[in-house]
Amino acid sequence: MFRDIIGRSQGCFGSGGDDDQPVMYRTVDGGRDWARSAPLPDPPGWVTQGGGFTLRPGYVRAAGADLLVEASGARGGNGYSYVFRSTDGGATWRYASNLPRSATDVAFVTANRWIEGIEPDQSLETSDAGASWHPFKTNYSQAAG
Protein backbone atom coordinates (compact mmCIF):
# COMPACT_ATOMS: atom_id res chain seq x y z
CA MET A 1 0.00 0.00 0.00
CA PHE A 2 1.26 3.47 -0.86
CA ARG A 3 1.87 6.01 1.82
CA ASP A 4 0.83 8.72 -0.63
CA ILE A 5 -1.49 7.73 -3.45
CA ILE A 6 -1.47 10.07 -6.40
CA GLY A 7 -3.46 8.11 -8.94
CA ARG A 8 -4.71 4.62 -9.61
CA SER A 9 -1.20 3.21 -10.09
CA GLN A 10 0.95 6.18 -9.07
CA GLY A 11 2.41 6.74 -5.65
CA CYS A 12 5.06 8.82 -3.98
CA PHE A 13 6.69 8.94 -0.56
CA GLY A 14 9.51 10.76 1.12
CA SER A 15 12.38 9.36 3.10
CA GLY A 16 14.82 11.18 5.31
CA GLY A 17 17.46 10.53 7.93
CA ASP A 18 19.51 12.42 10.45
CA ASP A 19 22.40 13.15 8.11
CA ASP A 20 21.09 13.65 4.56
CA GLN A 21 18.65 15.69 2.54
CA PRO A 22 15.25 14.01 2.19
CA VAL A 23 14.69 11.94 -0.94
CA MET A 24 11.41 11.25 -2.68
CA TYR A 25 10.49 7.93 -4.30
CA ARG A 26 7.80 7.44 -6.96
CA THR A 27 6.06 4.63 -8.80
CA VAL A 28 3.84 4.57 -11.87
CA ASP A 29 3.16 0.81 -11.97
CA GLY A 30 1.28 0.17 -8.76
CA GLY A 31 4.40 -0.15 -6.60
CA ARG A 32 6.16 -2.85 -8.56
CA ASP A 33 9.07 -0.55 -9.38
CA TRP A 34 10.22 2.56 -7.55
CA ALA A 35 12.42 5.36 -8.84
CA ARG A 36 14.43 7.65 -6.60
CA SER A 37 14.05 11.35 -7.24
CA ALA A 38 16.70 13.94 -6.69
CA PRO A 39 16.87 15.04 -3.02
CA LEU A 40 14.66 17.91 -1.94
CA PRO A 41 16.78 21.04 -2.28
CA ASP A 42 17.65 23.12 0.74
CA PRO A 43 15.15 25.99 0.92
CA PRO A 44 16.38 29.56 1.42
CA GLY A 45 17.93 29.96 4.87
CA TRP A 46 18.18 26.21 5.54
CA VAL A 47 21.37 24.19 5.32
CA THR A 48 21.16 20.42 5.73
CA GLN A 49 23.70 19.24 8.29
CA GLY A 50 24.44 15.92 9.90
CA GLY A 51 23.29 15.20 13.42
CA GLY A 52 19.58 15.68 12.80
CA PHE A 53 19.50 19.09 11.14
CA THR A 54 17.55 17.75 8.20
CA LEU A 55 14.04 18.12 6.85
CA ARG A 56 11.43 15.37 7.17
CA PRO A 57 8.92 15.16 4.33
CA GLY A 58 5.23 14.68 5.05
CA TYR A 59 2.51 13.29 2.83
CA VAL A 60 2.56 14.06 -0.89
CA ARG A 61 -0.63 15.55 -2.28
CA ALA A 62 -1.76 15.93 -5.87
CA ALA A 63 -3.11 19.38 -6.73
CA GLY A 64 -4.11 19.26 -10.37
CA ALA A 65 -1.00 18.33 -12.34
CA ASP A 66 1.30 19.41 -9.51
CA LEU A 67 2.50 17.39 -6.54
CA LEU A 68 3.05 19.17 -3.23
CA VAL A 69 4.82 18.03 -0.09
CA GLU A 70 5.47 19.72 3.23
CA ALA A 71 8.84 19.14 4.88
CA SER A 72 9.71 20.22 8.42
CA GLY A 73 12.79 20.37 10.56
CA ALA A 74 14.24 21.95 13.69
CA ARG A 75 17.39 23.93 14.27
CA GLY A 76 18.50 26.06 17.19
CA GLY A 77 15.38 25.22 19.15
CA ASN A 78 13.11 26.54 16.39
CA GLY A 79 10.94 24.61 13.98
CA TYR A 80 10.67 25.34 10.27
CA SER A 81 8.27 24.08 7.62
CA TYR A 82 8.48 24.41 3.86
CA VAL A 83 6.48 23.36 0.81
CA PHE A 84 8.05 21.75 -2.25
CA ARG A 85 6.44 21.33 -5.67
CA SER A 86 6.92 18.83 -8.48
CA THR A 87 5.53 19.46 -11.96
CA ASP A 88 6.91 16.25 -13.49
CA GLY A 89 5.24 13.50 -11.48
CA GLY A 90 7.74 13.60 -8.64
CA ALA A 91 10.94 13.19 -10.67
CA THR A 92 12.24 16.58 -9.52
CA TRP A 93 11.22 18.90 -6.71
CA ARG A 94 11.73 22.61 -6.13
CA TYR A 95 11.21 24.85 -3.15
CA ALA A 96 7.81 26.58 -3.32
CA SER A 97 7.26 28.44 -0.04
CA ASN A 98 7.79 28.73 3.69
CA LEU A 99 4.87 27.90 5.95
CA PRO A 100 4.02 30.54 8.54
CA ARG A 101 4.21 28.05 11.42
CA SER A 102 6.17 24.92 12.02
CA ALA A 103 4.84 21.45 12.79
CA THR A 104 1.30 22.16 11.65
CA ASP A 105 -0.45 20.36 8.87
CA VAL A 106 -1.40 22.24 5.78
CA ALA A 107 -4.26 21.20 3.51
CA PHE A 108 -3.49 21.66 -0.17
CA VAL A 109 -6.92 22.54 -1.60
CA THR A 110 -5.53 23.47 -5.02
CA ALA A 111 -2.02 24.09 -6.34
CA ASN A 112 -2.24 27.68 -5.05
CA ARG A 113 -4.81 27.59 -2.24
CA TRP A 114 -3.61 26.08 1.03
CA ILE A 115 -5.19 26.13 4.48
CA GLU A 116 -3.37 25.82 7.76
CA GLY A 117 -6.14 24.83 10.16
CA ILE A 118 -5.40 25.22 13.83
CA GLU A 119 -7.97 26.84 16.12
CA PRO A 120 -10.81 29.04 14.84
CA ASP A 121 -8.99 32.28 15.61
CA GLN A 122 -5.56 31.06 14.43
CA SER A 123 -6.21 29.33 11.08
CA LEU A 124 -4.58 30.82 7.98
CA GLU A 125 -5.14 30.60 4.24
CA THR A 126 -3.12 31.44 1.15
CA SER A 127 -4.47 31.73 -2.37
CA ASP A 128 -1.11 32.53 -3.97
CA ALA A 129 0.93 29.41 -3.12
CA GLY A 130 2.29 30.78 0.13
CA ALA A 131 3.38 34.23 -1.04
CA SER A 132 0.95 35.79 1.44
CA TRP A 133 -1.28 34.46 4.22
CA HIS A 134 -4.46 35.82 5.78
CA PRO A 135 -6.79 34.72 8.58
CA PHE A 136 -9.21 31.95 7.65
CA LYS A 137 -12.50 31.75 9.54
CA THR A 138 -13.34 28.22 10.58
CA ASN A 139 -15.35 26.43 13.23
CA TYR A 140 -12.66 23.77 13.57
CA SER A 141 -11.75 22.73 17.10
CA GLN A 142 -9.55 20.00 18.47
CA ALA A 143 -11.33 17.12 20.16
CA ALA A 144 -9.07 17.42 23.22
CA GLY A 145 -10.10 21.04 23.70
C-alpha atoms as a PDB file:
ATOM      1  CA  MET A   1       0.000   0.000   0.000  1.00  0.00           C
ATOM      2  CA  PHE A   2       1.265   3.470  -0.864  1.00  0.00           C
ATOM      3  CA  ARG A   3       1.868   6.011   1.818  1.00  0.00           C
ATOM      4  CA  ASP A   4       0.834   8.716  -0.628  1.00  0.00           C
ATOM      5  CA  ILE A   5      -1.485   7.725  -3.448  1.00  0.00           C
ATOM      6  CA  ILE A   6      -1.471  10.069  -6.398  1.00  0.00           C
ATOM      7  CA  GLY A   7      -3.464   8.106  -8.937  1.00  0.00           C
ATOM      8  CA  ARG A   8      -4.710   4.622  -9.609  1.00  0.00           C
ATOM      9  CA  SER A   9      -1.203   3.214 -10.089  1.00  0.00           C
ATOM     10  CA  GLN A  10       0.948   6.181  -9.067  1.00  0.00           C
ATOM     11  CA  GLY A  11       2.414   6.744  -5.650  1.00  0.00           C
ATOM     12  CA  CYS A  12       5.064   8.818  -3.975  1.00  0.00           C
ATOM     13  CA  PHE A  13       6.694   8.938  -0.557  1.00  0.00           C
ATOM     14  CA  GLY A  14       9.508  10.764   1.120  1.00  0.00           C
ATOM     15  CA  SER A  15      12.382   9.362   3.102  1.00  0.00           C
ATOM     16  CA  GLY A  16      14.822  11.178   5.313  1.00  0.00           C
ATOM     17  CA  GLY A  17      17.456  10.525   7.929  1.00  0.00           C
ATOM     18  CA  ASP A  18      19.505  12.419  10.454  1.00  0.00           C
ATOM     19  CA  ASP A  19      22.402  13.149   8.110  1.00  0.00           C
ATOM     20  CA  ASP A  20      21.089  13.646   4.561  1.00  0.00           C
ATOM     21  CA  GLN A  21      18.655  15.686   2.536  1.00  0.00           C
ATOM     22  CA  PRO A  22      15.251  14.010   2.187  1.00  0.00           C
ATOM     23  CA  VAL A  23      14.692  11.943  -0.944  1.00  0.00           C
ATOM     24  CA  MET A  24      11.407  11.248  -2.678  1.00  0.00           C
ATOM     25  CA  TYR A  25      10.489   7.933  -4.305  1.00  0.00           C
ATOM     26  CA  ARG A  26       7.805   7.435  -6.958  1.00  0.00           C
ATOM     27  CA  THR A  27       6.055   4.627  -8.799  1.00  0.00           C
ATOM     28  CA  VAL A  28       3.840   4.566 -11.873  1.00  0.00           C
ATOM     29  CA  ASP A  29       3.161   0.806 -11.970  1.00  0.00           C
ATOM     30  CA  GLY A  30       1.276   0.175  -8.758  1.00  0.00           C
ATOM     31  CA  GLY A  31       4.396  -0.147  -6.602  1.00  0.00           C
ATOM     32  CA  ARG A  32       6.160  -2.853  -8.557  1.00  0.00           C
ATOM     33  CA  ASP A  33       9.072  -0.553  -9.377  1.00  0.00           C
ATOM     34  CA  TRP A  34      10.222   2.555  -7.546  1.00  0.00           C
ATOM     35  CA  ALA A  35      12.424   5.363  -8.844  1.00  0.00           C
ATOM     36  CA  ARG A  36      14.433   7.646  -6.598  1.00  0.00           C
ATOM     37  CA  SER A  37      14.045  11.354  -7.244  1.00  0.00           C
ATOM     38  CA  ALA A  38      16.702  13.942  -6.694  1.00  0.00           C
ATOM     39  CA  PRO A  39      16.871  15.037  -3.023  1.00  0.00           C
ATOM     40  CA  LEU A  40      14.657  17.914  -1.936  1.00  0.00           C
ATOM     41  CA  PRO A  41      16.783  21.041  -2.284  1.00  0.00           C
ATOM     42  CA  ASP A  42      17.655  23.119   0.743  1.00  0.00           C
ATOM     43  CA  PRO A  43      15.152  25.993   0.918  1.00  0.00           C
ATOM     44  CA  PRO A  44      16.380  29.560   1.421  1.00  0.00           C
ATOM     45  CA  GLY A  45      17.925  29.955   4.869  1.00  0.00           C
ATOM     46  CA  TRP A  46      18.177  26.214   5.537  1.00  0.00           C
ATOM     47  CA  VAL A  47      21.375  24.189   5.323  1.00  0.00           C
ATOM     48  CA  THR A  48      21.160  20.421   5.729  1.00  0.00           C
ATOM     49  CA  GLN A  49      23.705  19.245   8.286  1.00  0.00           C
ATOM     50  CA  GLY A  50      24.436  15.919   9.902  1.00  0.00           C
ATOM     51  CA  GLY A  51      23.292  15.199  13.416  1.00  0.00           C
ATOM     52  CA  GLY A  52      19.577  15.676  12.802  1.00  0.00           C
ATOM     53  CA  PHE A  53      19.498  19.086  11.143  1.00  0.00           C
ATOM     54  CA  THR A  54      17.549  17.746   8.200  1.00  0.00           C
ATOM     55  CA  LEU A  55      14.036  18.118   6.851  1.00  0.00           C
ATOM     56  CA  ARG A  56      11.435  15.371   7.173  1.00  0.00           C
ATOM     57  CA  PRO A  57       8.921  15.162   4.330  1.00  0.00           C
ATOM     58  CA  GLY A  58       5.234  14.677   5.047  1.00  0.00           C
ATOM     59  CA  TYR A  59       2.512  13.289   2.826  1.00  0.00           C
ATOM     60  CA  VAL A  60       2.556  14.057  -0.890  1.00  0.00           C
ATOM     61  CA  ARG A  61      -0.634  15.553  -2.277  1.00  0.00           C
ATOM     62  CA  ALA A  62      -1.761  15.927  -5.872  1.00  0.00           C
ATOM     63  CA  ALA A  63      -3.106  19.382  -6.732  1.00  0.00           C
ATOM     64  CA  GLY A  64      -4.108  19.258 -10.366  1.00  0.00           C
ATOM     65  CA  ALA A  65      -1.004  18.333 -12.342  1.00  0.00           C
ATOM     66  CA  ASP A  66       1.300  19.407  -9.506  1.00  0.00           C
ATOM     67  CA  LEU A  67       2.499  17.387  -6.538  1.00  0.00           C
ATOM     68  CA  LEU A  68       3.054  19.174  -3.226  1.00  0.00           C
ATOM     69  CA  VAL A  69       4.820  18.026  -0.087  1.00  0.00           C
ATOM     70  CA  GLU A  70       5.472  19.721   3.227  1.00  0.00           C
ATOM     71  CA  ALA A  71       8.844  19.145   4.881  1.00  0.00           C
ATOM     72  CA  SER A  72       9.705  20.224   8.425  1.00  0.00           C
ATOM     73  CA  GLY A  73      12.794  20.366  10.563  1.00  0.00           C
ATOM     74  CA  ALA A  74      14.241  21.947  13.689  1.00  0.00           C
ATOM     75  CA  ARG A  75      17.387  23.926  14.269  1.00  0.00           C
ATOM     76  CA  GLY A  76      18.502  26.057  17.194  1.00  0.00           C
ATOM     77  CA  GLY A  77      15.377  25.224  19.153  1.00  0.00           C
ATOM     78  CA  ASN A  78      13.112  26.543  16.390  1.00  0.00           C
ATOM     79  CA  GLY A  79      10.937  24.606  13.981  1.00  0.00           C
ATOM     80  CA  TYR A  80      10.673  25.337  10.268  1.00  0.00           C
ATOM     81  CA  SER A  81       8.265  24.078   7.619  1.00  0.00           C
ATOM     82  CA  TYR A  82       8.481  24.407   3.860  1.00  0.00           C
ATOM     83  CA  VAL A  83       6.482  23.359   0.812  1.00  0.00           C
ATOM     84  CA  PHE A  84       8.048  21.750  -2.245  1.00  0.00           C
ATOM     85  CA  ARG A  85       6.439  21.331  -5.670  1.00  0.00           C
ATOM     86  CA  SER A  86       6.919  18.831  -8.484  1.00  0.00           C
ATOM     87  CA  THR A  87       5.525  19.456 -11.964  1.00  0.00           C
ATOM     88  CA  ASP A  88       6.914  16.253 -13.495  1.00  0.00           C
ATOM     89  CA  GLY A  89       5.243  13.501 -11.478  1.00  0.00           C
ATOM     90  CA  GLY A  90       7.745  13.598  -8.639  1.00  0.00           C
ATOM     91  CA  ALA A  91      10.936  13.186 -10.669  1.00  0.00           C
ATOM     92  CA  THR A  92      12.238  16.578  -9.517  1.00  0.00           C
ATOM     93  CA  TRP A  93      11.216  18.902  -6.705  1.00  0.00           C
ATOM     94  CA  ARG A  94      11.733  22.607  -6.133  1.00  0.00           C
ATOM     95  CA  TYR A  95      11.210  24.854  -3.147  1.00  0.00           C
ATOM     96  CA  ALA A  96       7.809  26.576  -3.321  1.00  0.00           C
ATOM     97  CA  SER A  97       7.258  28.444  -0.038  1.00  0.00           C
ATOM     98  CA  ASN A  98       7.788  28.732   3.689  1.00  0.00           C
ATOM     99  CA  LEU A  99       4.869  27.904   5.945  1.00  0.00           C
ATOM    100  CA  PRO A 100       4.023  30.545   8.542  1.00  0.00           C
ATOM    101  CA  ARG A 101       4.211  28.053  11.416  1.00  0.00           C
ATOM    102  CA  SER A 102       6.168  24.918  12.019  1.00  0.00           C
ATOM    103  CA  ALA A 103       4.842  21.446  12.790  1.00  0.00           C
ATOM    104  CA  THR A 104       1.297  22.156  11.649  1.00  0.00           C
ATOM    105  CA  ASP A 105      -0.450  20.358   8.873  1.00  0.00           C
ATOM    106  CA  VAL A 106      -1.398  22.242   5.778  1.00  0.00           C
ATOM    107  CA  ALA A 107      -4.260  21.204   3.510  1.00  0.00           C
ATOM    108  CA  PHE A 108      -3.494  21.661  -0.167  1.00  0.00           C
ATOM    109  CA  VAL A 109      -6.919  22.543  -1.599  1.00  0.00           C
ATOM    110  CA  THR A 110      -5.528  23.467  -5.020  1.00  0.00           C
ATOM    111  CA  ALA A 111      -2.024  24.087  -6.339  1.00  0.00           C
ATOM    112  CA  ASN A 112      -2.240  27.679  -5.052  1.00  0.00           C
ATOM    113  CA  ARG A 113      -4.813  27.585  -2.236  1.00  0.00           C
ATOM    114  CA  TRP A 114      -3.609  26.080   1.030  1.00  0.00           C
ATOM    115  CA  ILE A 115      -5.189  26.134   4.484  1.00  0.00           C
ATOM    116  CA  GLU A 116      -3.371  25.821   7.762  1.00  0.00           C
ATOM    117  CA  GLY A 117      -6.137  24.827  10.163  1.00  0.00           C
ATOM    118  CA  ILE A 118      -5.401  25.217  13.826  1.00  0.00           C
ATOM    119  CA  GLU A 119      -7.974  26.838  16.118  1.00  0.00           C
ATOM    120  CA  PRO A 120     -10.815  29.036  14.837  1.00  0.00           C
ATOM    121  CA  ASP A 121      -8.990  32.278  15.608  1.00  0.00           C
ATOM    122  CA  GLN A 122      -5.562  31.060  14.427  1.00  0.00           C
ATOM    123  CA  SER A 123      -6.211  29.331  11.085  1.00  0.00           C
ATOM    124  CA  LEU A 124      -4.582  30.819   7.983  1.00  0.00           C
ATOM    125  CA  GLU A 125      -5.139  30.601   4.240  1.00  0.00           C
ATOM    126  CA  THR A 126      -3.118  31.437   1.154  1.00  0.00           C
ATOM    127  CA  SER A 127      -4.469  31.729  -2.369  1.00  0.00           C
ATOM    128  CA  ASP A 128      -1.114  32.528  -3.971  1.00  0.00           C
ATOM    129  CA  ALA A 129       0.926  29.412  -3.119  1.00  0.00           C
ATOM    130  CA  GLY A 130       2.285  30.782   0.133  1.00  0.00           C
ATOM    131  CA  ALA A 131       3.382  34.234  -1.039  1.00  0.00           C
ATOM    132  CA  SER A 132       0.947  35.793   1.442  1.00  0.00           C
ATOM    133  CA  TRP A 133      -1.277  34.459   4.219  1.00  0.00           C
ATOM    134  CA  HIS A 134      -4.463  35.823   5.776  1.00  0.00           C
ATOM    135  CA  PRO A 135      -6.786  34.717   8.584  1.00  0.00           C
ATOM    136  CA  PHE A 136      -9.215  31.955   7.652  1.00  0.00           C
ATOM    137  CA  LYS A 137     -12.496  31.752   9.540  1.00  0.00           C
ATOM    138  CA  THR A 138     -13.344  28.221  10.577  1.00  0.00           C
ATOM    139  CA  ASN A 139     -15.346  26.433  13.232  1.00  0.00           C
ATOM    140  CA  TYR A 140     -12.658  23.766  13.568  1.00  0.00           C
ATOM    141  CA  SER A 141     -11.752  22.727  17.098  1.00  0.00           C
ATOM    142  CA  GLN A 142      -9.550  20.005  18.469  1.00  0.00           C
ATOM    143  CA  ALA A 143     -11.329  17.119  20.161  1.00  0.00           C
ATOM    144  CA  ALA A 144      -9.072  17.417  23.215  1.00  0.00           C
ATOM    145  CA  GLY A 145     -10.096  21.042  23.698  1.00  0.00           C
END
